[in-house]
Amino acid sequence: MKIPTLSTIYYLLSTILLSSCIATREDVAGIEVQVARLEKNMGSLEKKQAELAQRLDEIKRPVENLNSNLNDTQNLLNNFNPKFEELRSLVEALRKDMAERVSGVTKKLTDVEQNLQTRLAARKNSGSSPKTAGPKANGSPAGAASAGAPDSAADAPLKLFQGAYKDYLAQRWDLADSGFAGYLKNYPQGSMADKSLYYRALSLKQKKMASDAHESLDQLTARFPKSNVARAGMLEKAKLYLDESKTTEAEGMLEYLVMTHPKTKEAEEAKELLKKIPHK
């Protein structure tokens, strides 16, 4: 067997080392390319992450505002619920009180009606016996008076109301009270009954008779709830409560007036009065 020479061995080693160096450089170049790609991808990811963070911040602010608004709304609801319950209790109390007053007024009206019927029956019985009289000439004063009696009877309610109203305008409170009371006694279902109850209440208020004024206004709202005067009556009742320092009752009446008769001048005045009522 032939032993290789030193030169041959050196050549073989050089070839092996050179091959290893070439392979190592190619691997390094490949790694560098991959690293560059990774760095590019990382840069793109970091940019997208920054954009995503910015978008999250943009979404976060409206969500925080929404949460704040929801908290404010919840606080308002928490504050409103006790007031609503208080108002509902007050309205129920007013309804109960009004029902009791209406019941009392109805009983009084029934008694008055029975009394009137008794008096009318007594008058009818007392005037039923025939009376003889001499013949009267046609066109005599007695005949004229008899012909004009129906017109006078038809005008009597209006004249009675107008007389009482003139006394009211002249601030003759006793005469006005008496006149309106007379109208209501003689014509309880008359066309001016609602106005008589209203102006009688105002006259009684001027006479410092608040209890009777309340009763007259209660009759007005109970008997004529759809009358325009009834709205004014509710307003005057609230004013009576304020004069008596009954702010809770006054506030309930005014709120009920605004709720049941919105867009009326009485409701507007009620709103102004509500603003002046102090709250603890």
Protein backbone atom coordinates (compact mmCIF):
# COMPACT_ATOMS: atom_id res chain seq x y z
CA MET A 1 0.00 0.00 0.00
CA LYS A 2 1.26 3.39 -1.05
CA ILE A 3 1.58 5.95 1.77
CA PRO A 4 0.30 9.49 0.76
CA THR A 5 2.77 12.25 0.81
CA LEU A 6 2.60 15.36 2.98
CA SER A 7 1.61 17.49 0.06
CA THR A 8 -1.28 15.21 -0.70
CA ILE A 9 -2.47 15.32 2.88
CA TYR A 10 -2.22 19.15 2.93
CA TYR A 11 -4.25 19.37 -0.25
CA LEU A 12 -6.99 17.18 1.14
CA LEU A 13 -7.21 19.20 4.36
CA SER A 14 -7.37 22.47 2.45
CA THR A 15 -10.19 21.14 0.29
CA ILE A 16 -12.16 20.02 3.33
CA LEU A 17 -11.70 23.35 5.14
CA LEU A 18 -12.65 25.35 2.07
CA SER A 19 -15.83 23.31 1.61
CA SER A 20 -16.76 23.87 5.26
CA CYS A 21 -16.24 27.63 4.96
CA ILE A 22 -18.44 27.85 1.85
CA ALA A 23 -21.21 25.90 3.56
CA THR A 24 -21.00 28.06 6.68
CA ARG A 25 -21.23 31.31 4.69
CA GLU A 26 -24.29 30.08 2.82
CA ASP A 27 -25.97 29.15 6.12
CA VAL A 28 -25.15 32.53 7.61
CA ALA A 29 -26.52 34.31 4.55
CA GLY A 30 -29.73 32.28 4.79
CA ILE A 31 -30.10 33.10 8.46
CA GLU A 32 -29.52 36.78 7.79
CA VAL A 33 -32.28 36.74 5.17
CA GLN A 34 -34.67 35.07 7.63
CA VAL A 35 -33.73 37.53 10.36
CA ALA A 36 -34.41 40.43 7.98
CA ARG A 37 -37.80 38.97 7.15
CA LEU A 38 -38.57 38.50 10.82
CA GLU A 39 -37.57 42.09 11.59
CA LYS A 40 -39.82 43.31 8.77
CA ASN A 41 -42.70 41.21 10.06
CA MET A 42 -42.05 42.43 13.61
CA GLY A 43 -42.11 46.04 12.41
CA SER A 44 -45.40 45.43 10.61
CA LEU A 45 -46.82 43.75 13.73
CA GLU A 46 -45.67 46.62 15.95
CA LYS A 47 -47.31 49.13 13.58
CA LYS A 48 -50.56 47.16 13.57
CA GLN A 49 -50.39 46.84 17.35
CA ALA A 50 -50.00 50.61 17.65
CA GLU A 51 -52.96 51.18 15.33
CA LEU A 52 -55.02 48.66 17.31
CA ALA A 53 -54.11 50.37 20.59
CA GLN A 54 -55.13 53.75 19.11
CA ARG A 55 -58.46 52.32 17.98
CA LEU A 56 -59.02 50.77 21.40
CA ASP A 57 -58.40 54.19 22.98
CA GLU A 58 -60.88 55.76 20.56
CA ILE A 59 -63.47 53.12 21.48
CA LYS A 60 -62.67 53.35 25.18
CA ARG A 61 -63.52 57.05 25.45
CA PRO A 62 -67.13 56.72 24.14
CA VAL A 63 -67.61 53.65 26.34
CA GLU A 64 -66.43 55.61 29.38
CA ASN A 65 -68.76 58.47 28.45
CA LEU A 66 -71.61 56.01 28.01
CA ASN A 67 -70.90 54.47 31.40
CA SER A 68 -70.86 57.94 32.95
CA ASN A 69 -74.20 58.80 31.30
CA LEU A 70 -75.67 55.51 32.48
CA ASN A 71 -74.53 56.24 36.02
CA ASP A 72 -76.07 59.74 35.84
CA THR A 73 -79.30 58.28 34.50
CA GLN A 74 -79.38 55.70 37.27
CA ASN A 75 -78.82 58.40 39.87
CA LEU A 76 -81.66 60.46 38.39
CA LEU A 77 -83.94 57.43 38.47
CA ASN A 78 -82.96 56.71 42.06
CA ASN A 79 -83.80 60.31 42.98
CA PHE A 80 -87.03 60.33 40.96
CA ASN A 81 -88.54 57.11 42.31
CA PRO A 82 -89.07 58.39 45.90
CA LYS A 83 -90.59 61.63 44.55
CA PHE A 84 -92.88 59.67 42.26
CA GLU A 85 -94.01 57.46 45.12
CA GLU A 86 -94.56 60.55 47.28
CA LEU A 87 -96.59 62.20 44.52
CA ARG A 88 -98.67 59.06 43.98
CA SER A 89 -99.37 58.84 47.71
CA LEU A 90 -100.35 62.50 47.75
CA VAL A 91 -102.69 62.06 44.76
CA GLU A 92 -104.29 59.04 46.42
CA ALA A 93 -104.75 61.05 49.62
CA LEU A 94 -106.30 63.90 47.64
CA ARG A 95 -108.62 61.50 45.85
CA LYS A 96 -109.70 59.97 49.14
CA ASP A 97 -110.24 63.39 50.70
CA MET A 98 -112.16 64.59 47.65
CA ALA A 99 -114.30 61.45 47.65
CA GLU A 100 -115.18 62.03 51.30
CA ARG A 101 -115.98 65.69 50.63
CA VAL A 102 -118.08 64.78 47.58
CA SER A 103 -119.97 62.25 49.65
CA GLY A 104 -120.68 64.89 52.26
CA VAL A 105 -121.71 67.44 49.65
CA THR A 106 -123.96 64.91 47.92
CA LYS A 107 -125.69 64.18 51.21
CA LYS A 108 -126.22 67.90 51.84
CA LEU A 109 -127.56 68.39 48.31
CA THR A 110 -129.95 65.49 48.81
CA ASP A 111 -131.18 67.05 52.05
CA VAL A 112 -131.59 70.43 50.33
CA GLU A 113 -133.47 68.84 47.42
CA GLN A 114 -135.81 67.02 49.78
CA ASN A 115 -136.38 70.24 51.72
CA LEU A 116 -137.17 72.13 48.51
CA GLN A 117 -139.56 69.42 47.36
CA THR A 118 -141.31 69.57 50.73
CA ARG A 119 -141.65 73.34 50.51
CA LEU A 120 -142.91 73.22 46.92
CA ALA A 121 -145.46 70.57 47.85
CA ALA A 122 -146.60 72.71 50.79
CA ARG A 123 -146.98 75.78 48.55
CA LYS A 124 -148.82 73.76 45.95
CA ASN A 125 -151.24 72.42 48.57
CA SER A 126 -151.77 75.87 50.08
CA GLY A 127 -152.55 77.42 46.70
CA SER A 128 -154.71 74.61 45.31
CA SER A 129 -158.04 75.91 46.73
CA PRO A 130 -159.92 77.93 44.11
CA LYS A 131 -160.53 81.64 44.72
CA THR A 132 -163.40 83.50 43.16
CA ALA A 133 -162.79 86.81 41.51
CA GLY A 134 -164.83 89.17 39.49
CA PRO A 135 -164.50 89.32 35.75
CA LYS A 136 -161.65 91.46 34.40
CA ALA A 137 -161.81 93.52 31.33
CA ASN A 138 -159.58 92.61 28.43
CA GLY A 139 -156.39 94.68 28.43
CA SER A 140 -156.61 95.51 32.13
CA PRO A 141 -153.35 95.92 34.14
CA ALA A 142 -153.99 92.63 35.89
CA GLY A 143 -154.20 90.85 32.56
CA ALA A 144 -150.97 92.48 31.38
CA ALA A 145 -149.17 91.41 34.55
CA SER A 146 -150.39 87.88 34.08
CA ALA A 147 -149.18 87.80 30.48
CA GLY A 148 -145.74 89.08 31.45
CA ALA A 149 -145.20 86.67 34.35
CA PRO A 150 -143.49 83.86 32.35
CA ASP A 151 -140.82 86.23 31.00
CA SER A 152 -140.16 87.60 34.47
CA ALA A 153 -139.81 84.08 35.88
CA ALA A 154 -137.38 83.12 33.09
CA ASP A 155 -135.20 86.18 33.76
CA ALA A 156 -135.18 85.71 37.54
CA PRO A 157 -132.13 83.37 37.74
CA LEU A 158 -130.02 85.64 35.52
CA LYS A 159 -131.06 88.76 37.44
CA LEU A 160 -130.26 87.07 40.73
CA PHE A 161 -126.78 86.09 39.51
CA GLN A 162 -126.10 89.51 37.99
CA GLY A 163 -127.08 91.23 41.24
CA ALA A 164 -124.74 89.03 43.24
CA TYR A 165 -121.94 89.57 40.71
CA LYS A 166 -122.35 93.36 40.91
CA ASP A 167 -122.01 93.10 44.69
CA TYR A 168 -118.88 90.98 44.18
CA LEU A 169 -117.30 93.57 41.85
CA ALA A 170 -118.17 96.30 44.37
CA GLN A 171 -116.45 94.22 47.09
CA ARG A 172 -119.66 93.90 49.08
CA TRP A 173 -118.66 90.42 50.17
CA ASP A 174 -121.60 89.69 52.48
CA LEU A 175 -124.17 90.67 49.87
CA ALA A 176 -122.30 88.77 47.15
CA ASP A 177 -122.12 85.66 49.32
CA SER A 178 -125.81 85.90 50.12
CA GLY A 179 -126.73 86.46 46.47
CA PHE A 180 -124.74 83.52 45.12
CA ALA A 181 -126.02 81.31 47.93
CA GLY A 182 -129.58 82.33 47.04
CA TYR A 183 -129.01 81.43 43.40
CA LEU A 184 -127.63 78.02 44.35
CA LYS A 185 -130.51 77.39 46.73
CA ASN A 186 -133.23 78.28 44.21
CA TYR A 187 -131.51 77.09 41.01
CA PRO A 188 -129.02 74.33 41.96
CA GLN A 189 -128.93 73.06 38.36
CA GLY A 190 -129.05 76.50 36.75
CA SER A 191 -126.74 77.57 33.93
CA MET A 192 -124.84 79.85 36.33
CA ALA A 193 -124.52 77.34 39.17
CA ASP A 194 -120.83 76.62 38.51
CA LYS A 195 -119.96 80.33 38.40
CA SER A 196 -122.04 80.97 41.52
CA LEU A 197 -120.06 78.33 43.41
CA TYR A 198 -116.78 79.83 42.20
CA TYR A 199 -117.57 83.47 43.02
CA ARG A 200 -119.18 82.51 46.30
CA ALA A 201 -115.92 80.78 47.27
CA LEU A 202 -113.98 83.94 46.40
CA SER A 203 -116.40 86.03 48.46
CA LEU A 204 -116.03 83.64 51.40
CA LYS A 205 -112.25 83.84 51.07
CA GLN A 206 -112.44 87.62 51.38
CA LYS A 207 -114.63 87.15 54.47
CA LYS A 208 -111.84 84.98 55.99
CA MET A 209 -114.10 81.92 55.89
CA ALA A 210 -111.59 79.50 54.39
CA SER A 211 -113.41 76.33 55.45
CA ASP A 212 -116.64 77.40 53.71
CA ALA A 213 -114.63 78.54 50.69
CA HIS A 214 -113.02 75.08 50.48
CA GLU A 215 -116.44 73.46 50.65
CA SER A 216 -117.81 75.66 47.84
CA LEU A 217 -114.81 74.85 45.62
CA ASP A 218 -115.18 71.14 46.38
CA GLN A 219 -118.81 71.31 45.25
CA LEU A 220 -117.69 73.08 42.07
CA THR A 221 -115.11 70.43 41.08
CA ALA A 222 -117.42 67.57 42.10
CA ARG A 223 -120.59 68.76 40.35
CA PHE A 224 -119.04 70.47 37.32
CA PRO A 225 -115.68 68.74 36.63
CA LYS A 226 -115.76 69.59 32.91
CA SER A 227 -116.56 73.27 33.42
CA ASN A 228 -113.89 75.84 32.58
CA VAL A 229 -114.59 77.39 35.96
CA ALA A 230 -113.58 74.11 37.64
CA ARG A 231 -109.96 74.66 36.56
CA ALA A 232 -110.00 78.11 38.13
CA GLY A 233 -111.57 76.54 41.21
CA MET A 234 -108.69 74.06 41.55
CA LEU A 235 -106.22 76.93 41.28
CA GLU A 236 -108.05 78.94 43.94
CA LYS A 237 -108.16 75.89 46.23
CA ALA A 238 -104.37 75.58 45.93
CA LYS A 239 -104.05 79.29 46.78
CA LEU A 240 -106.22 78.75 49.85
CA TYR A 241 -103.87 75.96 50.93
CA LEU A 242 -100.90 78.29 50.49
CA ASP A 243 -102.63 80.97 52.58
CA GLU A 244 -103.06 78.31 55.27
CA SER A 245 -99.35 77.30 54.95
CA LYS A 246 -100.40 73.83 53.76
CA THR A 247 -97.66 73.63 51.13
CA THR A 248 -97.90 69.85 50.67
CA GLU A 249 -101.62 69.99 49.83
CA ALA A 250 -101.09 73.05 47.64
CA GLU A 251 -98.25 71.39 45.73
CA GLY A 252 -100.34 68.26 45.16
CA MET A 253 -103.31 70.27 43.89
CA LEU A 254 -101.13 72.36 41.56
CA GLU A 255 -99.34 69.30 40.15
CA TYR A 256 -102.69 67.58 39.64
CA LEU A 257 -103.98 70.67 37.79
CA VAL A 258 -100.91 70.75 35.51
CA MET A 259 -101.22 67.00 34.87
CA THR A 260 -104.97 66.95 34.11
CA HIS A 261 -105.31 70.31 32.31
CA PRO A 262 -102.06 70.97 30.44
CA LYS A 263 -101.71 73.87 27.98
CA THR A 264 -104.26 76.02 29.84
CA LYS A 265 -103.67 79.40 31.45
CA GLU A 266 -104.53 77.88 34.82
CA ALA A 267 -101.83 75.23 34.32
CA GLU A 268 -99.28 77.91 33.41
CA GLU A 269 -100.11 79.88 36.55
CA ALA A 270 -99.90 76.65 38.55
CA LYS A 271 -96.37 76.07 37.22
CA GLU A 272 -95.32 79.53 38.35
CA LEU A 273 -96.77 78.93 41.81
CA LEU A 274 -94.94 75.58 42.03
CA LYS A 275 -91.63 77.37 41.42
CA LYS A 276 -92.28 79.62 44.42
CA ILE A 277 -93.00 76.78 46.86
CA PRO A 278 -89.90 76.24 49.04
CA HIS A 279 -88.52 72.71 49.28
CA LYS A 280 -86.50 71.45 52.21
